[in-house]
Amino acid sequence: FSIADAFCRKDKRAAWALYVQAINKGVSAEEIHGIILWQVKSMILASESKGAESAGLKPFVFNKSKTYAEMHGKKALQGMSRRLLIAYHDTRRGLVDIETMLELEILSL
């Protein structure tokens, strides 16, 4: 989850280094994609909810996600979510490579 934290902090250098390290250790790009997408969805939930319970998140995750969401803004989060979902489906259709799409998303921070 450290890659998701770096991604959400907009720490491009750390996110990129952790991404390459994970890929080199044999972690699948799909797994990394899932972790980042989960964090983005948590940020969206936290930004739209009054508290952890109403968001359906644990208090620690809610507070962290709320802080990260404020760093990005609602429009940016929606764009990230959209791009990550499109990348997933386009990968399944054989149109793009998920590793390339994740690299582009990380480098666009």
PDB file of N, CA and C in Angstrom:
ATOM      1  N   PHE A   1       0.807  -1.207   0.000  1.00  0.00           N
ATOM      2  CA  PHE A   1       0.000   0.000   0.000  1.00  0.00           C
ATOM      3  C   PHE A   1       0.849   1.269   0.000  1.00  0.00           C
ATOM      4  N   SER A   2       2.144   1.118   0.143  1.00  0.00           N
ATOM      5  CA  SER A   2       2.999   2.299   0.142  1.00  0.00           C
ATOM      6  C   SER A   2       2.974   3.003  -1.210  1.00  0.00           C
ATOM      7  N   ILE A   3       2.806   2.258  -2.276  1.00  0.00           N
ATOM      8  CA  ILE A   3       2.711   2.881  -3.597  1.00  0.00           C
ATOM      9  C   ILE A   3       1.448   3.744  -3.696  1.00  0.00           C
ATOM     10  N   ALA A   4       0.346   3.259  -3.116  1.00  0.00           N
ATOM     11  CA  ALA A   4      -0.903   4.039  -3.134  1.00  0.00           C
ATOM     12  C   ALA A   4      -0.737   5.305  -2.300  1.00  0.00           C
ATOM     13  N   ASP A   5      -0.050   5.206  -1.181  1.00  0.00           N
ATOM     14  CA  ASP A   5       0.189   6.390  -0.351  1.00  0.00           C
ATOM     15  C   ASP A   5       1.029   7.421  -1.101  1.00  0.00           C
ATOM     16  N   ALA A   6       2.090   6.970  -1.744  1.00  0.00           N
ATOM     17  CA  ALA A   6       2.936   7.893  -2.509  1.00  0.00           C
ATOM     18  C   ALA A   6       2.138   8.508  -3.659  1.00  0.00           C
ATOM     19  N   PHE A   7       1.342   7.708  -4.328  1.00  0.00           N
ATOM     20  CA  PHE A   7       0.502   8.186  -5.420  1.00  0.00           C
ATOM     21  C   PHE A   7      -0.452   9.264  -4.915  1.00  0.00           C
ATOM     22  N   CYS A   8      -1.083   9.013  -3.793  1.00  0.00           N
ATOM     23  CA  CYS A   8      -2.072   9.943  -3.255  1.00  0.00           C
ATOM     24  C   CYS A   8      -1.439  11.207  -2.676  1.00  0.00           C
ATOM     25  N   ARG A   9      -0.196  11.114  -2.248  1.00  0.00           N
ATOM     26  CA  ARG A   9       0.529  12.304  -1.768  1.00  0.00           C
ATOM     27  C   ARG A   9       1.066  13.135  -2.922  1.00  0.00           C
ATOM     28  N   LYS A  10       0.871  12.647  -4.153  1.00  0.00           N
ATOM     29  CA  LYS A  10       1.399  13.278  -5.368  1.00  0.00           C
ATOM     30  C   LYS A  10       2.920  13.253  -5.388  1.00  0.00           C
ATOM     31  N   ASP A  11       3.493  12.234  -4.779  1.00  0.00           N
ATOM     32  CA  ASP A  11       4.946  12.066  -4.744  1.00  0.00           C
ATOM     33  C   ASP A  11       5.333  11.190  -5.937  1.00  0.00           C
ATOM     34  N   LYS A  12       5.479  11.839  -7.082  1.00  0.00           N
ATOM     35  CA  LYS A  12       5.733  11.129  -8.336  1.00  0.00           C
ATOM     36  C   LYS A  12       6.994  10.262  -8.248  1.00  0.00           C
ATOM     37  N   ARG A  13       8.044  10.818  -7.685  1.00  0.00           N
ATOM     38  CA  ARG A  13       9.318  10.090  -7.602  1.00  0.00           C
ATOM     39  C   ARG A  13       9.184   8.822  -6.766  1.00  0.00           C
ATOM     40  N   ALA A  14       8.580   8.926  -5.594  1.00  0.00           N
ATOM     41  CA  ALA A  14       8.419   7.752  -4.729  1.00  0.00           C
ATOM     42  C   ALA A  14       7.455   6.743  -5.348  1.00  0.00           C
ATOM     43  N   ALA A  15       6.367   7.232  -5.920  1.00  0.00           N
ATOM     44  CA  ALA A  15       5.389   6.332  -6.540  1.00  0.00           C
ATOM     45  C   ALA A  15       6.026   5.564  -7.688  1.00  0.00           C
ATOM     46  N   TRP A  16       6.802   6.252  -8.503  1.00  0.00           N
ATOM     47  CA  TRP A  16       7.471   5.610  -9.629  1.00  0.00           C
ATOM     48  C   TRP A  16       8.477   4.562  -9.134  1.00  0.00           C
ATOM     49  N   ALA A  17       9.296   4.933  -8.145  1.00  0.00           N
ATOM     50  CA  ALA A  17      10.292   4.000  -7.614  1.00  0.00           C
ATOM     51  C   ALA A  17       9.624   2.763  -7.005  1.00  0.00           C
ATOM     52  N   LEU A  18       8.546   2.971  -6.253  1.00  0.00           N
ATOM     53  CA  LEU A  18       7.830   1.847  -5.651  1.00  0.00           C
ATOM     54  C   LEU A  18       7.146   0.985  -6.712  1.00  0.00           C
ATOM     55  N   TYR A  19       6.658   1.609  -7.758  1.00  0.00           N
ATOM     56  CA  TYR A  19       6.030   0.880  -8.861  1.00  0.00           C
ATOM     57  C   TYR A  19       7.052  -0.027  -9.544  1.00  0.00           C
ATOM     58  N   VAL A  20       8.196   0.534  -9.903  1.00  0.00           N
ATOM     59  CA  VAL A  20       9.242  -0.251 -10.573  1.00  0.00           C
ATOM     60  C   VAL A  20       9.733  -1.368  -9.660  1.00  0.00           C
ATOM     61  N   GLN A  21       9.902  -1.066  -8.399  1.00  0.00           N
ATOM     62  CA  GLN A  21      10.345  -2.070  -7.425  1.00  0.00           C
ATOM     63  C   GLN A  21       9.336  -3.213  -7.322  1.00  0.00           C
ATOM     64  N   ALA A  22       8.056  -2.884  -7.276  1.00  0.00           N
ATOM     65  CA  ALA A  22       7.014  -3.917  -7.186  1.00  0.00           C
ATOM     66  C   ALA A  22       6.988  -4.780  -8.445  1.00  0.00           C
ATOM     67  N   ILE A  23       7.064  -4.156  -9.604  1.00  0.00           N
ATOM     68  CA  ILE A  23       7.071  -4.899 -10.870  1.00  0.00           C
ATOM     69  C   ILE A  23       8.281  -5.832 -10.910  1.00  0.00           C
ATOM     70  N   ASN A  24       9.445  -5.317 -10.506  1.00  0.00           N
ATOM     71  CA  ASN A  24      10.668  -6.135 -10.508  1.00  0.00           C
ATOM     72  C   ASN A  24      10.595  -7.300  -9.536  1.00  0.00           C
ATOM     73  N   LYS A  25       9.796  -7.168  -8.483  1.00  0.00           N
ATOM     74  CA  LYS A  25       9.622  -8.250  -7.510  1.00  0.00           C
ATOM     75  C   LYS A  25       8.555  -9.249  -7.953  1.00  0.00           C
ATOM     76  N   GLY A  26       7.919  -8.975  -9.092  1.00  0.00           N
ATOM     77  CA  GLY A  26       6.931  -9.908  -9.620  1.00  0.00           C
ATOM     78  C   GLY A  26       5.490  -9.599  -9.264  1.00  0.00           C
ATOM     79  N   VAL A  27       5.248  -8.442  -8.671  1.00  0.00           N
ATOM     80  CA  VAL A  27       3.876  -8.033  -8.386  1.00  0.00           C
ATOM     81  C   VAL A  27       3.229  -7.669  -9.722  1.00  0.00           C
ATOM     82  N   SER A  28       2.044  -8.174  -9.961  1.00  0.00           N
ATOM     83  CA  SER A  28       1.396  -7.907 -11.246  1.00  0.00           C
ATOM     84  C   SER A  28       0.899  -6.465 -11.322  1.00  0.00           C
ATOM     85  N   ALA A  29       0.910  -5.941 -12.521  1.00  0.00           N
ATOM     86  CA  ALA A  29       0.405  -4.583 -12.737  1.00  0.00           C
ATOM     87  C   ALA A  29      -1.073  -4.505 -12.368  1.00  0.00           C
ATOM     88  N   GLU A  30      -1.812  -5.601 -12.577  1.00  0.00           N
ATOM     89  CA  GLU A  30      -3.229  -5.622 -12.228  1.00  0.00           C
ATOM     90  C   GLU A  30      -3.430  -5.449 -10.726  1.00  0.00           C
ATOM     91  N   GLU A  31      -2.546  -6.057  -9.940  1.00  0.00           N
ATOM     92  CA  GLU A  31      -2.638  -5.918  -8.485  1.00  0.00           C
ATOM     93  C   GLU A  31      -2.345  -4.481  -8.053  1.00  0.00           C
ATOM     94  N   ILE A  32      -1.332  -3.881  -8.640  1.00  0.00           N
ATOM     95  CA  ILE A  32      -0.997  -2.492  -8.325  1.00  0.00           C
ATOM     96  C   ILE A  32      -2.144  -1.584  -8.743  1.00  0.00           C
ATOM     97  N   HIS A  33      -2.695  -1.834  -9.914  1.00  0.00           N
ATOM     98  CA  HIS A  33      -3.839  -1.071 -10.411  1.00  0.00           C
ATOM     99  C   HIS A  33      -4.994  -1.140  -9.409  1.00  0.00           C
ATOM    100  N   GLY A  34      -5.286  -2.331  -8.922  1.00  0.00           N
ATOM    101  CA  GLY A  34      -6.376  -2.511  -7.965  1.00  0.00           C
ATOM    102  C   GLY A  34      -6.164  -1.728  -6.681  1.00  0.00           C
ATOM    103  N   ILE A  35      -4.948  -1.724  -6.202  1.00  0.00           N
ATOM    104  CA  ILE A  35      -4.629  -1.001  -4.965  1.00  0.00           C
ATOM    105  C   ILE A  35      -4.795   0.509  -5.165  1.00  0.00           C
ATOM    106  N   ILE A  36      -4.285   1.008  -6.280  1.00  0.00           N
ATOM    107  CA  ILE A  36      -4.398   2.445  -6.547  1.00  0.00           C
ATOM    108  C   ILE A  36      -5.859   2.835  -6.773  1.00  0.00           C
ATOM    109  N   LEU A  37      -6.589   2.019  -7.531  1.00  0.00           N
ATOM    110  CA  LEU A  37      -8.001   2.311  -7.770  1.00  0.00           C
ATOM    111  C   LEU A  37      -8.789   2.291  -6.460  1.00  0.00           C
ATOM    112  N   TRP A  38      -8.497   1.341  -5.585  1.00  0.00           N
ATOM    113  CA  TRP A  38      -9.170   1.278  -4.278  1.00  0.00           C
ATOM    114  C   TRP A  38      -8.926   2.568  -3.501  1.00  0.00           C
ATOM    115  N   GLN A  39      -7.678   3.047  -3.528  1.00  0.00           N
ATOM    116  CA  GLN A  39      -7.358   4.269  -2.780  1.00  0.00           C
ATOM    117  C   GLN A  39      -8.062   5.473  -3.377  1.00  0.00           C
ATOM    118  N   VAL A  40      -8.127   5.547  -4.705  1.00  0.00           N
ATOM    119  CA  VAL A  40      -8.819   6.658  -5.355  1.00  0.00           C
ATOM    120  C   VAL A  40     -10.302   6.632  -4.994  1.00  0.00           C
ATOM    121  N   LYS A  41     -10.895   5.445  -5.020  1.00  0.00           N
ATOM    122  CA  LYS A  41     -12.315   5.333  -4.652  1.00  0.00           C
ATOM    123  C   LYS A  41     -12.527   5.709  -3.191  1.00  0.00           C
ATOM    124  N   SER A  42     -11.594   5.344  -2.332  1.00  0.00           N
ATOM    125  CA  SER A  42     -11.694   5.729  -0.913  1.00  0.00           C
ATOM    126  C   SER A  42     -11.615   7.234  -0.747  1.00  0.00           C
ATOM    127  N   MET A  43     -10.764   7.872  -1.529  1.00  0.00           N
ATOM    128  CA  MET A  43     -10.662   9.334  -1.461  1.00  0.00           C
ATOM    129  C   MET A  43     -11.963   9.984  -1.906  1.00  0.00           C
ATOM    130  N   ILE A  44     -12.562   9.455  -2.966  1.00  0.00           N
ATOM    131  CA  ILE A  44     -13.833  10.011  -3.436  1.00  0.00           C
ATOM    132  C   ILE A  44     -14.908   9.836  -2.379  1.00  0.00           C
ATOM    133  N   LEU A  45     -14.996   8.635  -1.786  1.00  0.00           N
ATOM    134  CA  LEU A  45     -15.981   8.392  -0.721  1.00  0.00           C
ATOM    135  C   LEU A  45     -15.768   9.337   0.451  1.00  0.00           C
ATOM    136  N   ALA A  46     -14.522   9.472   0.880  1.00  0.00           N
ATOM    137  CA  ALA A  46     -14.216  10.327   2.032  1.00  0.00           C
ATOM    138  C   ALA A  46     -14.552  11.784   1.740  1.00  0.00           C
ATOM    139  N   SER A  47     -14.300  12.220   0.504  1.00  0.00           N
ATOM    140  CA  SER A  47     -14.564  13.619   0.182  1.00  0.00           C
ATOM    141  C   SER A  47     -16.059  13.925   0.121  1.00  0.00           C
ATOM    142  N   GLU A  48     -16.876  12.908  -0.100  1.00  0.00           N
ATOM    143  CA  GLU A  48     -18.319  13.106  -0.225  1.00  0.00           C
ATOM    144  C   GLU A  48     -19.094  12.735   1.039  1.00  0.00           C
ATOM    145  N   SER A  49     -18.395  12.290   2.070  1.00  0.00           N
ATOM    146  CA  SER A  49     -19.066  11.823   3.291  1.00  0.00           C
ATOM    147  C   SER A  49     -18.713  12.702   4.479  1.00  0.00           C
ATOM    148  N   LYS A  50     -19.593  12.696   5.464  1.00  0.00           N
ATOM    149  CA  LYS A  50     -19.361  13.479   6.678  1.00  0.00           C
ATOM    150  C   LYS A  50     -18.475  12.759   7.682  1.00  0.00           C
ATOM    151  N   GLY A  51     -18.491  11.435   7.638  1.00  0.00           N
ATOM    152  CA  GLY A  51     -17.699  10.670   8.580  1.00  0.00           C
ATOM    153  C   GLY A  51     -17.386   9.281   8.068  1.00  0.00           C
ATOM    154  N   ALA A  52     -16.538   8.585   8.814  1.00  0.00           N
ATOM    155  CA  ALA A  52     -16.091   7.253   8.416  1.00  0.00           C
ATOM    156  C   ALA A  52     -17.251   6.275   8.281  1.00  0.00           C
ATOM    157  N   GLU A  53     -18.184   6.338   9.224  1.00  0.00           N
ATOM    158  CA  GLU A  53     -19.301   5.396   9.211  1.00  0.00           C
ATOM    159  C   GLU A  53     -20.180   5.586   7.973  1.00  0.00           C
ATOM    160  N   SER A  54     -20.479   6.833   7.650  1.00  0.00           N
ATOM    161  CA  SER A  54     -21.331   7.079   6.484  1.00  0.00           C
ATOM    162  C   SER A  54     -20.611   6.742   5.178  1.00  0.00           C
ATOM    163  N   ALA A  55     -19.270   6.775   5.181  1.00  0.00           N
ATOM    164  CA  ALA A  55     -18.492   6.416   3.992  1.00  0.00           C
ATOM    165  C   ALA A  55     -18.296   4.909   3.887  1.00  0.00           C
ATOM    166  N   GLY A  56     -18.540   4.214   4.989  1.00  0.00           N
ATOM    167  CA  GLY A  56     -18.311   2.767   4.992  1.00  0.00           C
ATOM    168  C   GLY A  56     -16.837   2.419   5.096  1.00  0.00           C
ATOM    169  N   LEU A  57     -16.062   3.321   5.686  1.00  0.00           N
ATOM    170  CA  LEU A  57     -14.628   3.118   5.830  1.00  0.00           C
ATOM    171  C   LEU A  57     -14.247   3.099   7.305  1.00  0.00           C
ATOM    172  N   LYS A  58     -13.144   2.454   7.595  1.00  0.00           N
ATOM    173  CA  LYS A  58     -12.592   2.497   8.951  1.00  0.00           C
ATOM    174  C   LYS A  58     -12.070   3.912   9.206  1.00  0.00           C
ATOM    175  N   PRO A  59     -12.105   4.379  10.463  1.00  0.00           N
ATOM    176  CA  PRO A  59     -11.690   5.755  10.759  1.00  0.00           C
ATOM    177  C   PRO A  59     -10.294   6.118  10.244  1.00  0.00           C
ATOM    178  N   PHE A  60      -9.319   5.215  10.386  1.00  0.00           N
ATOM    179  CA  PHE A  60      -7.968   5.512   9.913  1.00  0.00           C
ATOM    180  C   PHE A  60      -7.961   5.729   8.404  1.00  0.00           C
ATOM    181  N   VAL A  61      -8.603   4.822   7.676  1.00  0.00           N
ATOM    182  CA  VAL A  61      -8.657   4.918   6.212  1.00  0.00           C
ATOM    183  C   VAL A  61      -9.425   6.168   5.800  1.00  0.00           C
ATOM    184  N   PHE A  62     -10.518   6.457   6.490  1.00  0.00           N
ATOM    185  CA  PHE A  62     -11.310   7.654   6.175  1.00  0.00           C
ATOM    186  C   PHE A  62     -10.482   8.922   6.340  1.00  0.00           C
ATOM    187  N   ASN A  63      -9.814   9.058   7.471  1.00  0.00           N
ATOM    188  CA  ASN A  63      -9.033  10.276   7.745  1.00  0.00           C
ATOM    189  C   ASN A  63      -7.896  10.448   6.740  1.00  0.00           C
ATOM    190  N   LYS A  64      -7.207   9.360   6.444  1.00  0.00           N
ATOM    191  CA  LYS A  64      -6.114   9.412   5.476  1.00  0.00           C
ATOM    192  C   LYS A  64      -6.661   9.774   4.088  1.00  0.00           C
ATOM    193  N   SER A  65      -7.741   9.140   3.707  1.00  0.00           N
ATOM    194  CA  SER A  65      -8.340   9.384   2.393  1.00  0.00           C
ATOM    195  C   SER A  65      -8.881  10.803   2.280  1.00  0.00           C
ATOM    196  N   LYS A  66      -9.453  11.308   3.355  1.00  0.00           N
ATOM    197  CA  LYS A  66      -9.990  12.680   3.369  1.00  0.00           C
ATOM    198  C   LYS A  66      -8.849  13.689   3.156  1.00  0.00           C
ATOM    199  N   THR A  67      -7.750  13.462   3.846  1.00  0.00           N
ATOM    200  CA  THR A  67      -6.588  14.345   3.710  1.00  0.00           C
ATOM    201  C   THR A  67      -6.054  14.315   2.282  1.00  0.00           C
ATOM    202  N   TYR A  68      -5.904  13.111   1.731  1.00  0.00           N
ATOM    203  CA  TYR A  68      -5.417  12.976   0.361  1.00  0.00           C
ATOM    204  C   TYR A  68      -6.395  13.607  -0.629  1.00  0.00           C
ATOM    205  N   ALA A  69      -7.678  13.422  -0.404  1.00  0.00           N
ATOM    206  CA  ALA A  69      -8.697  13.960  -1.314  1.00  0.00           C
ATOM    207  C   ALA A  69      -8.603  15.481  -1.388  1.00  0.00           C
ATOM    208  N   GLU A  70      -8.340  16.113  -0.265  1.00  0.00           N
ATOM    209  CA  GLU A  70      -8.210  17.565  -0.230  1.00  0.00           C
ATOM    210  C   GLU A  70      -7.000  18.037  -1.036  1.00  0.00           C
ATOM    211  N   MET A  71      -5.962  17.201  -1.135  1.00  0.00           N
ATOM    212  CA  MET A  71      -4.770  17.543  -1.906  1.00  0.00           C
ATOM    213  C   MET A  71      -5.052  17.527  -3.408  1.00  0.00           C
ATOM    214  N   HIS A  72      -5.996  16.681  -3.809  1.00  0.00           N
ATOM    215  CA  HIS A  72      -6.261  16.483  -5.237  1.00  0.00           C
ATOM    216  C   HIS A  72      -7.431  17.309  -5.761  1.00  0.00           C
ATOM    217  N   GLY A  73      -8.486  17.364  -5.015  1.00  0.00           N
ATOM    218  CA  GLY A  73      -9.702  18.024  -5.486  1.00  0.00           C
ATOM    219  C   GLY A  73     -10.622  17.025  -6.173  1.00  0.00           C
ATOM    220  N   LYS A  74     -11.906  17.331  -6.120  1.00  0.00           N
ATOM    221  CA  LYS A  74     -12.929  16.409  -6.609  1.00  0.00           C
ATOM    222  C   LYS A  74     -12.800  16.104  -8.106  1.00  0.00           C
ATOM    223  N   LYS A  75     -12.563  17.140  -8.901  1.00  0.00           N
ATOM    224  CA  LYS A  75     -12.471  16.959 -10.351  1.00  0.00           C
ATOM    225  C   LYS A  75     -11.287  16.057 -10.724  1.00  0.00           C
ATOM    226  N   ALA A  76     -10.153  16.269 -10.087  1.00  0.00           N
ATOM    227  CA  ALA A  76      -8.968  15.454 -10.359  1.00  0.00           C
ATOM    228  C   ALA A  76      -9.206  13.999  -9.960  1.00  0.00           C
ATOM    229  N   LEU A  77      -9.875  13.789  -8.830  1.00  0.00           N
ATOM    230  CA  LEU A  77     -10.174  12.423  -8.385  1.00  0.00           C
ATOM    231  C   LEU A  77     -11.100  11.714  -9.358  1.00  0.00           C
ATOM    232  N   GLN A  78     -12.098  12.414  -9.830  1.00  0.00           N
ATOM    233  CA  GLN A  78     -13.015  11.812 -10.798  1.00  0.00           C
ATOM    234  C   GLN A  78     -12.284  11.457 -12.090  1.00  0.00           C
ATOM    235  N   GLY A  79     -11.375  12.316 -12.512  1.00  0.00           N
ATOM    236  CA  GLY A  79     -10.578  12.033 -13.700  1.00  0.00           C
ATOM    237  C   GLY A  79      -9.691  10.816 -13.520  1.00  0.00           C
ATOM    238  N   MET A  80      -9.041  10.725 -12.358  1.00  0.00           N
ATOM    239  CA  MET A  80      -8.202   9.559 -12.054  1.00  0.00           C
ATOM    240  C   MET A  80      -9.017   8.283 -12.075  1.00  0.00           C
ATOM    241  N   SER A  81     -10.156   8.324 -11.412  1.00  0.00           N
ATOM    242  CA  SER A  81     -11.026   7.154 -11.347  1.00  0.00           C
ATOM    243  C   SER A  81     -11.449   6.732 -12.750  1.00  0.00           C
ATOM    244  N   ARG A  82     -11.844   7.684 -13.545  1.00  0.00           N
ATOM    245  CA  ARG A  82     -12.280   7.401 -14.918  1.00  0.00           C
ATOM    246  C   ARG A  82     -11.146   6.770 -15.734  1.00  0.00           C
ATOM    247  N   ARG A  83      -9.966   7.369 -15.664  1.00  0.00           N
ATOM    248  CA  ARG A  83      -8.827   6.854 -16.437  1.00  0.00           C
ATOM    249  C   ARG A  83      -8.431   5.452 -15.988  1.00  0.00           C
ATOM    250  N   LEU A  84      -8.457   5.209 -14.684  1.00  0.00           N
ATOM    251  CA  LEU A  84      -8.097   3.882 -14.182  1.00  0.00           C
ATOM    252  C   LEU A  84      -9.120   2.828 -14.593  1.00  0.00           C
ATOM    253  N   LEU A  85     -10.385   3.185 -14.567  1.00  0.00           N
ATOM    254  CA  LEU A  85     -11.419   2.240 -14.999  1.00  0.00           C
ATOM    255  C   LEU A  85     -11.343   1.968 -16.494  1.00  0.00           C
ATOM    256  N   ILE A  86     -11.117   2.997 -17.275  1.00  0.00           N
ATOM    257  CA  ILE A  86     -10.984   2.820 -18.725  1.00  0.00           C
ATOM    258  C   ILE A  86      -9.762   1.955 -19.032  1.00  0.00           C
ATOM    259  N   ALA A  87      -8.659   2.206 -18.333  1.00  0.00           N
ATOM    260  CA  ALA A  87      -7.442   1.421 -18.548  1.00  0.00           C
ATOM    261  C   ALA A  87      -7.695  -0.054 -18.270  1.00  0.00           C
ATOM    262  N   TYR A  88      -8.427  -0.339 -17.199  1.00  0.00           N
ATOM    263  CA  TYR A  88      -8.730  -1.729 -16.857  1.00  0.00           C
ATOM    264  C   TYR A  88      -9.514  -2.397 -17.984  1.00  0.00           C
ATOM    265  N   HIS A  89     -10.553  -1.747 -18.433  1.00  0.00           N
ATOM    266  CA  HIS A  89     -11.398  -2.343 -19.482  1.00  0.00           C
ATOM    267  C   HIS A  89     -10.672  -2.412 -20.823  1.00  0.00           C
ATOM    268  N   ASP A  90      -9.909  -1.391 -21.152  1.00  0.00           N
ATOM    269  CA  ASP A  90      -9.156  -1.418 -22.406  1.00  0.00           C
ATOM    270  C   ASP A  90      -8.084  -2.510 -22.395  1.00  0.00           C
ATOM    271  N   THR A  91      -7.525  -2.780 -21.211  1.00  0.00           N
ATOM    272  CA  THR A  91      -6.561  -3.872 -21.088  1.00  0.00           C
ATOM    273  C   THR A  91      -7.240  -5.208 -21.350  1.00  0.00           C
ATOM    274  N   ARG A  92      -8.405  -5.399 -20.801  1.00  0.00           N
ATOM    275  CA  ARG A  92      -9.155  -6.638 -21.006  1.00  0.00           C
ATOM    276  C   ARG A  92      -9.544  -6.830 -22.468  1.00  0.00           C
ATOM    277  N   ARG A  93      -9.753  -5.727 -23.167  1.00  0.00           N
ATOM    278  CA  ARG A  93     -10.104  -5.784 -24.598  1.00  0.00           C
ATOM    279  C   ARG A  93      -8.866  -5.958 -25.479  1.00  0.00           C
ATOM    280  N   GLY A  94      -7.681  -5.875 -24.866  1.00  0.00           N
ATOM    281  CA  GLY A  94      -6.450  -6.007 -25.621  1.00  0.00           C
ATOM    282  C   GLY A  94      -6.026  -4.746 -26.353  1.00  0.00           C
ATOM    283  N   LEU A  95      -6.575  -3.615 -25.953  1.00  0.00           N
ATOM    284  CA  LEU A  95      -6.281  -2.348 -26.628  1.00  0.00           C
ATOM    285  C   LEU A  95      -5.028  -1.659 -26.092  1.00  0.00           C
ATOM    286  N   VAL A  96      -4.750  -1.855 -24.810  1.00  0.00           N
ATOM    287  CA  VAL A  96      -3.597  -1.212 -24.177  1.00  0.00           C
ATOM    288  C   VAL A  96      -2.943  -2.178 -23.198  1.00  0.00           C
ATOM    289  N   ASP A  97      -1.769  -1.799 -22.759  1.00  0.00           N
ATOM    290  CA  ASP A  97      -1.028  -2.559 -21.760  1.00  0.00           C
ATOM    291  C   ASP A  97      -1.214  -1.872 -20.403  1.00  0.00           C
ATOM    292  N   ILE A  98      -1.648  -2.628 -19.396  1.00  0.00           N
ATOM    293  CA  ILE A  98      -1.935  -2.040 -18.083  1.00  0.00           C
ATOM    294  C   ILE A  98      -0.682  -1.429 -17.451  1.00  0.00           C
ATOM    295  N   GLU A  99       0.484  -2.037 -17.683  1.00  0.00           N
ATOM    296  CA  GLU A  99       1.715  -1.473 -17.132  1.00  0.00           C
ATOM    297  C   GLU A  99       1.976  -0.082 -17.701  1.00  0.00           C
ATOM    298  N   THR A 100       1.790   0.063 -18.992  1.00  0.00           N
ATOM    299  CA  THR A 100       2.001   1.364 -19.638  1.00  0.00           C
ATOM    300  C   THR A 100       1.009   2.389 -19.116  1.00  0.00           C
ATOM    301  N   MET A 101      -0.242   1.993 -18.983  1.00  0.00           N
ATOM    302  CA  MET A 101      -1.260   2.919 -18.494  1.00  0.00           C
ATOM    303  C   MET A 101      -0.968   3.359 -17.058  1.00  0.00           C
ATOM    304  N   LEU A 102      -0.504   2.443 -16.206  1.00  0.00           N
ATOM    305  CA  LEU A 102      -0.149   2.816 -14.836  1.00  0.00           C
ATOM    306  C   LEU A 102       1.049   3.759 -14.820  1.00  0.00           C
ATOM    307  N   GLU A 103       2.028   3.482 -15.674  1.00  0.00           N
ATOM    308  CA  GLU A 103       3.185   4.364 -15.755  1.00  0.00           C
ATOM    309  C   GLU A 103       2.750   5.773 -16.130  1.00  0.00           C
ATOM    310  N   LEU A 104       1.889   5.886 -17.117  1.00  0.00           N
ATOM    311  CA  LEU A 104       1.410   7.198 -17.540  1.00  0.00           C
ATOM    312  C   LEU A 104       0.651   7.910 -16.420  1.00  0.00           C
ATOM    313  N   GLU A 105      -0.163   7.168 -15.689  1.00  0.00           N
ATOM    314  CA  GLU A 105      -0.929   7.779 -14.594  1.00  0.00           C
ATOM    315  C   GLU A 105       0.006   8.261 -13.477  1.00  0.00           C
ATOM    316  N   ILE A 106       0.989   7.463 -13.148  1.00  0.00           N
ATOM    317  CA  ILE A 106       1.943   7.855 -12.104  1.00  0.00           C
ATOM    318  C   ILE A 106       2.756   9.070 -12.552  1.00  0.00           C
ATOM    319  N   LEU A 107       3.212   9.040 -13.796  1.00  0.00           N
ATOM    320  CA  LEU A 107       4.057  10.136 -14.273  1.00  0.00           C
ATOM    321  C   LEU A 107       3.274  11.419 -14.521  1.00  0.00           C
ATOM    322  N   SER A 108       1.945  11.327 -14.538  1.00  0.00           N
ATOM    323  CA  SER A 108       1.136  12.531 -14.733  1.00  0.00           C
ATOM    324  C   SER A 108       0.777  13.233 -13.426  1.00  0.00           C
ATOM    325  N   LEU A 109       1.263  12.704 -12.306  1.00  0.00           N
ATOM    326  CA  LEU A 109       0.950  13.315 -11.003  1.00  0.00           C
ATOM    327  C   LEU A 109       1.448  14.749 -10.922  1.00  0.00           C
TER     328      LEU A 109
END
